[in-house]
Amino acid sequence: MIAHADDARVVVYSRVGCHLCEVAEQLVAEVCVETGDGWVRVDIDEDPDLTTRFTEQVPVTFVDGAQHDFWRVDPDRLRSALGRRRPASPE
């Protein structure tokens, strides 16, 4: 389920035309369907700061706001991370 960025547990920073990004997005989508968690794709080329930060590492995967992987997604590792309780939001 692709979610709104604020609701997504998984964020995939990627770019158009990146084969590794396409593979990572597919794996994230499959795992998130299994777990019921939301995910969102962010195109780094739409933000100069993200382009500078991630240009050589895409795809970059974040789970619950923390960097999880880059270049490749390990589905078992992602499932494990999503199996942990989501951190509480500051009130």
PDB file of N, CA and C in Angstrom:
ATOM      1  N   MET A   1       0.848  -1.169   0.000  1.00  0.00           N
ATOM      2  CA  MET A   1       0.000   0.000   0.000  1.00  0.00           C
ATOM      3  C   MET A   1       0.888   1.224   0.000  1.00  0.00           C
ATOM      4  N   ILE A   2       0.785   2.021  -1.015  1.00  0.00           N
ATOM      5  CA  ILE A   2       1.531   3.282  -1.036  1.00  0.00           C
ATOM      6  C   ILE A   2       0.767   4.253  -0.161  1.00  0.00           C
ATOM      7  N   ALA A   3       1.458   4.833   0.781  1.00  0.00           N
ATOM      8  CA  ALA A   3       0.834   5.693   1.785  1.00  0.00           C
ATOM      9  C   ALA A   3       1.296   7.124   1.613  1.00  0.00           C
ATOM     10  N   HIS A   4       0.641   8.010   2.327  1.00  0.00           N
ATOM     11  CA  HIS A   4       1.101   9.389   2.433  1.00  0.00           C
ATOM     12  C   HIS A   4       2.405   9.350   3.209  1.00  0.00           C
ATOM     13  N   ALA A   5       3.343  10.215   2.886  1.00  0.00           N
ATOM     14  CA  ALA A   5       4.669  10.197   3.508  1.00  0.00           C
ATOM     15  C   ALA A   5       4.602  10.202   5.030  1.00  0.00           C
ATOM     16  N   ASP A   6       3.650  10.904   5.615  1.00  0.00           N
ATOM     17  CA  ASP A   6       3.557  10.970   7.072  1.00  0.00           C
ATOM     18  C   ASP A   6       3.087   9.657   7.686  1.00  0.00           C
ATOM     19  N   ASP A   7       2.393   8.831   6.917  1.00  0.00           N
ATOM     20  CA  ASP A   7       1.837   7.570   7.414  1.00  0.00           C
ATOM     21  C   ASP A   7       2.708   6.370   7.078  1.00  0.00           C
ATOM     22  N   ALA A   8       3.675   6.544   6.213  1.00  0.00           N
ATOM     23  CA  ALA A   8       4.463   5.420   5.722  1.00  0.00           C
ATOM     24  C   ALA A   8       5.541   5.025   6.720  1.00  0.00           C
ATOM     25  N   ARG A   9       5.650   3.732   6.966  1.00  0.00           N
ATOM     26  CA  ARG A   9       6.755   3.236   7.794  1.00  0.00           C
ATOM     27  C   ARG A   9       8.023   3.097   6.965  1.00  0.00           C
ATOM     28  N   VAL A  10       7.851   2.877   5.656  1.00  0.00           N
ATOM     29  CA  VAL A  10       9.002   2.677   4.782  1.00  0.00           C
ATOM     30  C   VAL A  10       9.023   3.783   3.734  1.00  0.00           C
ATOM     31  N   VAL A  11      10.191   4.381   3.563  1.00  0.00           N
ATOM     32  CA  VAL A  11      10.400   5.380   2.521  1.00  0.00           C
ATOM     33  C   VAL A  11      11.538   4.879   1.642  1.00  0.00           C
ATOM     34  N   VAL A  12      11.293   4.875   0.335  1.00  0.00           N
ATOM     35  CA  VAL A  12      12.326   4.485  -0.628  1.00  0.00           C
ATOM     36  C   VAL A  12      12.713   5.720  -1.414  1.00  0.00           C
ATOM     37  N   TYR A  13      13.934   6.173  -1.233  1.00  0.00           N
ATOM     38  CA  TYR A  13      14.468   7.291  -2.012  1.00  0.00           C
ATOM     39  C   TYR A  13      15.064   6.695  -3.275  1.00  0.00           C
ATOM     40  N   SER A  14      14.574   7.153  -4.431  1.00  0.00           N
ATOM     41  CA  SER A  14      14.996   6.557  -5.690  1.00  0.00           C
ATOM     42  C   SER A  14      14.981   7.610  -6.784  1.00  0.00           C
ATOM     43  N   ARG A  15      15.224   7.159  -7.996  1.00  0.00           N
ATOM     44  CA  ARG A  15      15.158   8.058  -9.154  1.00  0.00           C
ATOM     45  C   ARG A  15      14.631   7.287 -10.355  1.00  0.00           C
ATOM     46  N   VAL A  16      14.053   8.014 -11.264  1.00  0.00           N
ATOM     47  CA  VAL A  16      13.501   7.431 -12.487  1.00  0.00           C
ATOM     48  C   VAL A  16      14.648   6.859 -13.322  1.00  0.00           C
ATOM     49  N   GLY A  17      14.415   5.690 -13.905  1.00  0.00           N
ATOM     50  CA  GLY A  17      15.399   5.084 -14.780  1.00  0.00           C
ATOM     51  C   GLY A  17      16.467   4.276 -14.061  1.00  0.00           C
ATOM     52  N   CYS A  18      16.313   4.098 -12.770  1.00  0.00           N
ATOM     53  CA  CYS A  18      17.279   3.342 -11.958  1.00  0.00           C
ATOM     54  C   CYS A  18      16.753   1.919 -11.786  1.00  0.00           C
ATOM     55  N   HIS A  19      17.433   0.952 -12.385  1.00  0.00           N
ATOM     56  CA  HIS A  19      16.987  -0.440 -12.310  1.00  0.00           C
ATOM     57  C   HIS A  19      16.987  -0.962 -10.873  1.00  0.00           C
ATOM     58  N   LEU A  20      18.028  -0.683 -10.116  1.00  0.00           N
ATOM     59  CA  LEU A  20      18.061  -1.118  -8.717  1.00  0.00           C
ATOM     60  C   LEU A  20      16.898  -0.525  -7.932  1.00  0.00           C
ATOM     61  N   CYS A  21      16.525   0.704  -8.266  1.00  0.00           N
ATOM     62  CA  CYS A  21      15.398   1.355  -7.594  1.00  0.00           C
ATOM     63  C   CYS A  21      14.101   0.615  -7.897  1.00  0.00           C
ATOM     64  N   GLU A  22      13.905   0.240  -9.148  1.00  0.00           N
ATOM     65  CA  GLU A  22      12.696  -0.476  -9.527  1.00  0.00           C
ATOM     66  C   GLU A  22      12.594  -1.812  -8.784  1.00  0.00           C
ATOM     67  N   VAL A  23      13.711  -2.522  -8.689  1.00  0.00           N
ATOM     68  CA  VAL A  23      13.726  -3.798  -7.978  1.00  0.00           C
ATOM     69  C   VAL A  23      13.428  -3.576  -6.498  1.00  0.00           C
ATOM     70  N   ALA A  24      14.068  -2.579  -5.900  1.00  0.00           N
ATOM     71  CA  ALA A  24      13.861  -2.287  -4.477  1.00  0.00           C
ATOM     72  C   ALA A  24      12.407  -1.910  -4.207  1.00  0.00           C
ATOM     73  N   GLU A  25      11.833  -1.072  -5.048  1.00  0.00           N
ATOM     74  CA  GLU A  25      10.440  -0.657  -4.863  1.00  0.00           C
ATOM     75  C   GLU A  25       9.504  -1.866  -4.937  1.00  0.00           C
ATOM     76  N   GLN A  26       9.757  -2.789  -5.854  1.00  0.00           N
ATOM     77  CA  GLN A  26       8.923  -3.979  -5.978  1.00  0.00           C
ATOM     78  C   GLN A  26       9.018  -4.839  -4.716  1.00  0.00           C
ATOM     79  N   LEU A  27      10.233  -5.038  -4.214  1.00  0.00           N
ATOM     80  CA  LEU A  27      10.414  -5.828  -2.996  1.00  0.00           C
ATOM     81  C   LEU A  27       9.759  -5.162  -1.797  1.00  0.00           C
ATOM     82  N   VAL A  28       9.936  -3.858  -1.666  1.00  0.00           N
ATOM     83  CA  VAL A  28       9.306  -3.121  -0.560  1.00  0.00           C
ATOM     84  C   VAL A  28       7.791  -3.247  -0.656  1.00  0.00           C
ATOM     85  N   ALA A  29       7.254  -3.082  -1.846  1.00  0.00           N
ATOM     86  CA  ALA A  29       5.805  -3.184  -2.034  1.00  0.00           C
ATOM     87  C   ALA A  29       5.309  -4.573  -1.616  1.00  0.00           C
ATOM     88  N   GLU A  30       6.005  -5.624  -2.025  1.00  0.00           N
ATOM     89  CA  GLU A  30       5.590  -6.987  -1.687  1.00  0.00           C
ATOM     90  C   GLU A  30       5.629  -7.222  -0.180  1.00  0.00           C
ATOM     91  N   VAL A  31       6.715  -6.803   0.467  1.00  0.00           N
ATOM     92  CA  VAL A  31       6.841  -7.001   1.913  1.00  0.00           C
ATOM     93  C   VAL A  31       5.780  -6.188   2.651  1.00  0.00           C
ATOM     94  N   CYS A  32       5.542  -4.964   2.214  1.00  0.00           N
ATOM     95  CA  CYS A  32       4.561  -4.119   2.888  1.00  0.00           C
ATOM     96  C   CYS A  32       3.134  -4.645   2.720  1.00  0.00           C
ATOM     97  N   VAL A  33       2.840  -5.297   1.600  1.00  0.00           N
ATOM     98  CA  VAL A  33       1.538  -5.940   1.445  1.00  0.00           C
ATOM     99  C   VAL A  33       1.406  -7.055   2.481  1.00  0.00           C
ATOM    100  N   GLU A  34       2.466  -7.824   2.659  1.00  0.00           N
ATOM    101  CA  GLU A  34       2.452  -8.909   3.641  1.00  0.00           C
ATOM    102  C   GLU A  34       2.243  -8.393   5.062  1.00  0.00           C
ATOM    103  N   THR A  35       2.927  -7.303   5.399  1.00  0.00           N
ATOM    104  CA  THR A  35       2.907  -6.802   6.776  1.00  0.00           C
ATOM    105  C   THR A  35       1.778  -5.816   7.046  1.00  0.00           C
ATOM    106  N   GLY A  36       1.186  -5.282   5.978  1.00  0.00           N
ATOM    107  CA  GLY A  36       0.130  -4.285   6.150  1.00  0.00           C
ATOM    108  C   GLY A  36       0.656  -2.886   6.432  1.00  0.00           C
ATOM    109  N   ASP A  37       1.941  -2.684   6.207  1.00  0.00           N
ATOM    110  CA  ASP A  37       2.542  -1.369   6.444  1.00  0.00           C
ATOM    111  C   ASP A  37       2.540  -0.539   5.173  1.00  0.00           C
ATOM    112  N   GLY A  38       2.504   0.772   5.357  1.00  0.00           N
ATOM    113  CA  GLY A  38       2.540   1.683   4.223  1.00  0.00           C
ATOM    114  C   GLY A  38       3.967   2.014   3.821  1.00  0.00           C
ATOM    115  N   TRP A  39       4.118   2.366   2.547  1.00  0.00           N
ATOM    116  CA  TRP A  39       5.416   2.796   2.053  1.00  0.00           C
ATOM    117  C   TRP A  39       5.210   3.907   1.050  1.00  0.00           C
ATOM    118  N   VAL A  40       6.257   4.663   0.814  1.00  0.00           N
ATOM    119  CA  VAL A  40       6.196   5.762  -0.138  1.00  0.00           C
ATOM    120  C   VAL A  40       7.520   5.835  -0.890  1.00  0.00           C
ATOM    121  N   ARG A  41       7.425   6.240  -2.144  1.00  0.00           N
ATOM    122  CA  ARG A  41       8.600   6.454  -2.993  1.00  0.00           C
ATOM    123  C   ARG A  41       8.846   7.950  -3.088  1.00  0.00           C
ATOM    124  N   VAL A  42      10.098   8.352  -2.934  1.00  0.00           N
ATOM    125  CA  VAL A  42      10.474   9.754  -3.074  1.00  0.00           C
ATOM    126  C   VAL A  42      11.527   9.841  -4.166  1.00  0.00           C
ATOM    127  N   ASP A  43      11.244  10.629  -5.202  1.00  0.00           N
ATOM    128  CA  ASP A  43      12.183  10.830  -6.308  1.00  0.00           C
ATOM    129  C   ASP A  43      13.203  11.876  -5.882  1.00  0.00           C
ATOM    130  N   ILE A  44      14.462  11.457  -5.723  1.00  0.00           N
ATOM    131  CA  ILE A  44      15.483  12.387  -5.230  1.00  0.00           C
ATOM    132  C   ILE A  44      15.777  13.499  -6.227  1.00  0.00           C
ATOM    133  N   ASP A  45      15.477  13.267  -7.495  1.00  0.00           N
ATOM    134  CA  ASP A  45      15.767  14.286  -8.501  1.00  0.00           C
ATOM    135  C   ASP A  45      14.825  15.481  -8.427  1.00  0.00           C
ATOM    136  N   GLU A  46      13.782  15.387  -7.616  1.00  0.00           N
ATOM    137  CA  GLU A  46      12.855  16.501  -7.443  1.00  0.00           C
ATOM    138  C   GLU A  46      13.271  17.427  -6.302  1.00  0.00           C
ATOM    139  N   ASP A  47      14.353  17.078  -5.606  1.00  0.00           N
ATOM    140  CA  ASP A  47      14.814  17.884  -4.474  1.00  0.00           C
ATOM    141  C   ASP A  47      16.337  17.938  -4.510  1.00  0.00           C
ATOM    142  N   PRO A  48      16.909  19.129  -4.751  1.00  0.00           N
ATOM    143  CA  PRO A  48      18.371  19.237  -4.860  1.00  0.00           C
ATOM    144  C   PRO A  48      19.124  18.724  -3.630  1.00  0.00           C
ATOM    145  N   ASP A  49      18.564  18.915  -2.447  1.00  0.00           N
ATOM    146  CA  ASP A  49      19.230  18.432  -1.232  1.00  0.00           C
ATOM    147  C   ASP A  49      19.278  16.902  -1.208  1.00  0.00           C
ATOM    148  N   LEU A  50      18.169  16.265  -1.594  1.00  0.00           N
ATOM    149  CA  LEU A  50      18.148  14.804  -1.641  1.00  0.00           C
ATOM    150  C   LEU A  50      19.072  14.271  -2.729  1.00  0.00           C
ATOM    151  N   THR A  51      19.117  14.969  -3.855  1.00  0.00           N
ATOM    152  CA  THR A  51      20.012  14.559  -4.942  1.00  0.00           C
ATOM    153  C   THR A  51      21.453  14.581  -4.462  1.00  0.00           C
ATOM    154  N   THR A  52      21.832  15.638  -3.770  1.00  0.00           N
ATOM    155  CA  THR A  52      23.194  15.746  -3.241  1.00  0.00           C
ATOM    156  C   THR A  52      23.458  14.669  -2.196  1.00  0.00           C
ATOM    157  N   ARG A  53      22.496  14.440  -1.337  1.00  0.00           N
ATOM    158  CA  ARG A  53      22.674  13.497  -0.233  1.00  0.00           C
ATOM    159  C   ARG A  53      22.751  12.041  -0.694  1.00  0.00           C
ATOM    160  N   PHE A  54      21.906  11.654  -1.654  1.00  0.00           N
ATOM    161  CA  PHE A  54      21.760  10.242  -1.995  1.00  0.00           C
ATOM    162  C   PHE A  54      22.193   9.858  -3.408  1.00  0.00           C
ATOM    163  N   THR A  55      22.715  10.753  -4.189  1.00  0.00           N
ATOM    164  CA  THR A  55      22.922  10.500  -5.609  1.00  0.00           C
ATOM    165  C   THR A  55      23.667   9.207  -5.913  1.00  0.00           C
ATOM    166  N   GLU A  56      24.656   8.829  -5.121  1.00  0.00           N
ATOM    167  CA  GLU A  56      25.445   7.629  -5.386  1.00  0.00           C
ATOM    168  C   GLU A  56      24.926   6.395  -4.654  1.00  0.00           C
ATOM    169  N   GLN A  57      23.898   6.539  -3.812  1.00  0.00           N
ATOM    170  CA  GLN A  57      23.449   5.419  -2.992  1.00  0.00           C
ATOM    171  C   GLN A  57      22.083   4.867  -3.371  1.00  0.00           C
ATOM    172  N   VAL A  58      21.346   5.491  -4.265  1.00  0.00           N
ATOM    173  CA  VAL A  58      19.984   5.040  -4.525  1.00  0.00           C
ATOM    174  C   VAL A  58      19.955   3.625  -5.057  1.00  0.00           C
ATOM    175  N   PRO A  59      18.922   2.898  -4.688  1.00  0.00           N
ATOM    176  CA  PRO A  59      17.857   3.297  -3.786  1.00  0.00           C
ATOM    177  C   PRO A  59      18.323   3.269  -2.321  1.00  0.00           C
ATOM    178  N   VAL A  60      17.750   4.152  -1.541  1.00  0.00           N
ATOM    179  CA  VAL A  60      18.003   4.197  -0.106  1.00  0.00           C
ATOM    180  C   VAL A  60      16.671   3.956   0.586  1.00  0.00           C
ATOM    181  N   THR A  61      16.661   3.013   1.513  1.00  0.00           N
ATOM    182  CA  THR A  61      15.435   2.637   2.208  1.00  0.00           C
ATOM    183  C   THR A  61      15.518   3.065   3.669  1.00  0.00           C
ATOM    184  N   PHE A  62      14.471   3.743   4.126  1.00  0.00           N
ATOM    185  CA  PHE A  62      14.346   4.129   5.522  1.00  0.00           C
ATOM    186  C   PHE A  62      13.155   3.382   6.124  1.00  0.00           C
ATOM    187  N   VAL A  63      13.292   2.955   7.368  1.00  0.00           N
ATOM    188  CA  VAL A  63      12.193   2.338   8.109  1.00  0.00           C
ATOM    189  C   VAL A  63      12.025   3.133   9.397  1.00  0.00           C
ATOM    190  N   ASP A  64      10.815   3.621   9.618  1.00  0.00           N
ATOM    191  CA  ASP A  64      10.508   4.402  10.818  1.00  0.00           C
ATOM    192  C   ASP A  64      11.480   5.558  11.010  1.00  0.00           C
ATOM    193  N   GLY A  65      11.873   6.179   9.902  1.00  0.00           N
ATOM    194  CA  GLY A  65      12.709   7.375   9.959  1.00  0.00           C
ATOM    195  C   GLY A  65      14.201   7.128  10.044  1.00  0.00           C
ATOM    196  N   ALA A  66      14.636   5.870  10.115  1.00  0.00           N
ATOM    197  CA  ALA A  66      16.064   5.558  10.206  1.00  0.00           C
ATOM    198  C   ALA A  66      16.515   4.830   8.942  1.00  0.00           C
ATOM    199  N   GLN A  67      17.704   5.185   8.449  1.00  0.00           N
ATOM    200  CA  GLN A  67      18.201   4.512   7.258  1.00  0.00           C
ATOM    201  C   GLN A  67      18.344   3.027   7.524  1.00  0.00           C
ATOM    202  N   HIS A  68      17.813   2.238   6.586  1.00  0.00           N
ATOM    203  CA  HIS A  68      17.775   0.786   6.741  1.00  0.00           C
ATOM    204  C   HIS A  68      18.737   0.100   5.770  1.00  0.00           C
ATOM    205  N   ASP A  69      18.680   0.436   4.507  1.00  0.00           N
ATOM    206  CA  ASP A  69      19.502  -0.175   3.463  1.00  0.00           C
ATOM    207  C   ASP A  69      19.785   0.843   2.369  1.00  0.00           C
ATOM    208  N   PHE A  70      20.767   0.534   1.536  1.00  0.00           N
ATOM    209  CA  PHE A  70      20.927   1.247   0.278  1.00  0.00           C
ATOM    210  C   PHE A  70      21.409   0.262  -0.774  1.00  0.00           C
ATOM    211  N   TRP A  71      21.162   0.587  -2.015  1.00  0.00           N
ATOM    212  CA  TRP A  71      21.430  -0.208  -3.209  1.00  0.00           C
ATOM    213  C   TRP A  71      20.520  -1.423  -3.340  1.00  0.00           C
ATOM    214  N   ARG A  72      20.373  -2.216  -2.314  1.00  0.00           N
ATOM    215  CA  ARG A  72      19.537  -3.411  -2.403  1.00  0.00           C
ATOM    216  C   ARG A  72      18.669  -3.530  -1.160  1.00  0.00           C
ATOM    217  N   VAL A  73      17.538  -4.213  -1.316  1.00  0.00           N
ATOM    218  CA  VAL A  73      16.641  -4.469  -0.189  1.00  0.00           C
ATOM    219  C   VAL A  73      16.671  -5.957   0.102  1.00  0.00           C
ATOM    220  N   ASP A  74      16.954  -6.303   1.341  1.00  0.00           N
ATOM    221  CA  ASP A  74      16.892  -7.687   1.788  1.00  0.00           C
ATOM    222  C   ASP A  74      15.495  -7.886   2.380  1.00  0.00           C
ATOM    223  N   PRO A  75      14.624  -8.653   1.708  1.00  0.00           N
ATOM    224  CA  PRO A  75      13.246  -8.773   2.174  1.00  0.00           C
ATOM    225  C   PRO A  75      13.121  -9.331   3.590  1.00  0.00           C
ATOM    226  N   ASP A  76      13.975 -10.281   3.962  1.00  0.00           N
ATOM    227  CA  ASP A  76      13.901 -10.837   5.316  1.00  0.00           C
ATOM    228  C   ASP A  76      14.284  -9.800   6.359  1.00  0.00           C
ATOM    229  N   ARG A  77      15.304  -9.024   6.069  1.00  0.00           N
ATOM    230  CA  ARG A  77      15.733  -7.964   6.995  1.00  0.00           C
ATOM    231  C   ARG A  77      14.643  -6.893   7.114  1.00  0.00           C
ATOM    232  N   LEU A  78      13.990  -6.576   6.000  1.00  0.00           N
ATOM    233  CA  LEU A  78      12.907  -5.591   6.024  1.00  0.00           C
ATOM    234  C   LEU A  78      11.724  -6.116   6.834  1.00  0.00           C
ATOM    235  N   ARG A  79      11.348  -7.376   6.618  1.00  0.00           N
ATOM    236  CA  ARG A  79      10.262  -7.975   7.412  1.00  0.00           C
ATOM    237  C   ARG A  79      10.578  -7.903   8.898  1.00  0.00           C
ATOM    238  N   SER A  80      11.809  -8.206   9.247  1.00  0.00           N
ATOM    239  CA  SER A  80      12.234  -8.175  10.644  1.00  0.00           C
ATOM    240  C   SER A  80      12.107  -6.767  11.217  1.00  0.00           C
ATOM    241  N   ALA A  81      12.556  -5.779  10.465  1.00  0.00           N
ATOM    242  CA  ALA A  81      12.463  -4.391  10.928  1.00  0.00           C
ATOM    243  C   ALA A  81      11.008  -3.966  11.097  1.00  0.00           C
ATOM    244  N   LEU A  82      10.154  -4.385  10.185  1.00  0.00           N
ATOM    245  CA  LEU A  82       8.737  -4.012  10.277  1.00  0.00           C
ATOM    246  C   LEU A  82       8.014  -4.788  11.368  1.00  0.00           C
ATOM    247  N   GLY A  83       8.585  -5.914  11.790  1.00  0.00           N
ATOM    248  CA  GLY A  83       8.001  -6.692  12.862  1.00  0.00           C
ATOM    249  C   GLY A  83       8.208  -6.054  14.225  1.00  0.00           C
ATOM    250  N   ARG A  84       9.176  -5.163  14.317  1.00  0.00           N
ATOM    251  CA  ARG A  84       9.394  -4.451  15.573  1.00  0.00           C
ATOM    252  C   ARG A  84       8.355  -3.350  15.710  1.00  0.00           C
ATOM    253  N   ARG A  85       8.017  -3.029  16.907  1.00  0.00           N
ATOM    254  CA  ARG A  85       7.022  -2.001  17.173  1.00  0.00           C
ATOM    255  C   ARG A  85       7.493  -0.647  16.648  1.00  0.00           C
ATOM    256  N   ARG A  86       6.590   0.064  16.010  1.00  0.00           N
ATOM    257  CA  ARG A  86       6.884   1.405  15.515  1.00  0.00           C
ATOM    258  C   ARG A  86       7.109   2.335  16.698  1.00  0.00           C
ATOM    259  N   PRO A  87       8.153   3.141  16.674  1.00  0.00           N
ATOM    260  CA  PRO A  87       8.401   4.066  17.771  1.00  0.00           C
ATOM    261  C   PRO A  87       7.246   5.037  17.947  1.00  0.00           C
ATOM    262  N   ALA A  88       6.966   5.380  19.195  1.00  0.00           N
ATOM    263  CA  ALA A  88       5.894   6.338  19.474  1.00  0.00           C
ATOM    264  C   ALA A  88       6.287   7.720  18.983  1.00  0.00           C
ATOM    265  N   SER A  89       5.300   8.461  18.483  1.00  0.00           N
ATOM    266  CA  SER A  89       5.539   9.830  18.034  1.00  0.00           C
ATOM    267  C   SER A  89       5.603  10.753  19.238  1.00  0.00           C
ATOM    268  N   PRO A  90       6.488  11.739  19.191  1.00  0.00           N
ATOM    269  CA  PRO A  90       6.515  12.715  20.280  1.00  0.00           C
ATOM    270  C   PRO A  90       5.218  13.517  20.281  1.00  0.00           C
ATOM    271  N   GLU A  91       4.712  13.780  21.443  1.00  0.00           N
ATOM    272  CA  GLU A  91       3.440  14.515  21.536  1.00  0.00           C
ATOM    273  C   GLU A  91       3.665  15.964  21.809  1.00  0.00           C
TER     274      GLU A  91
END
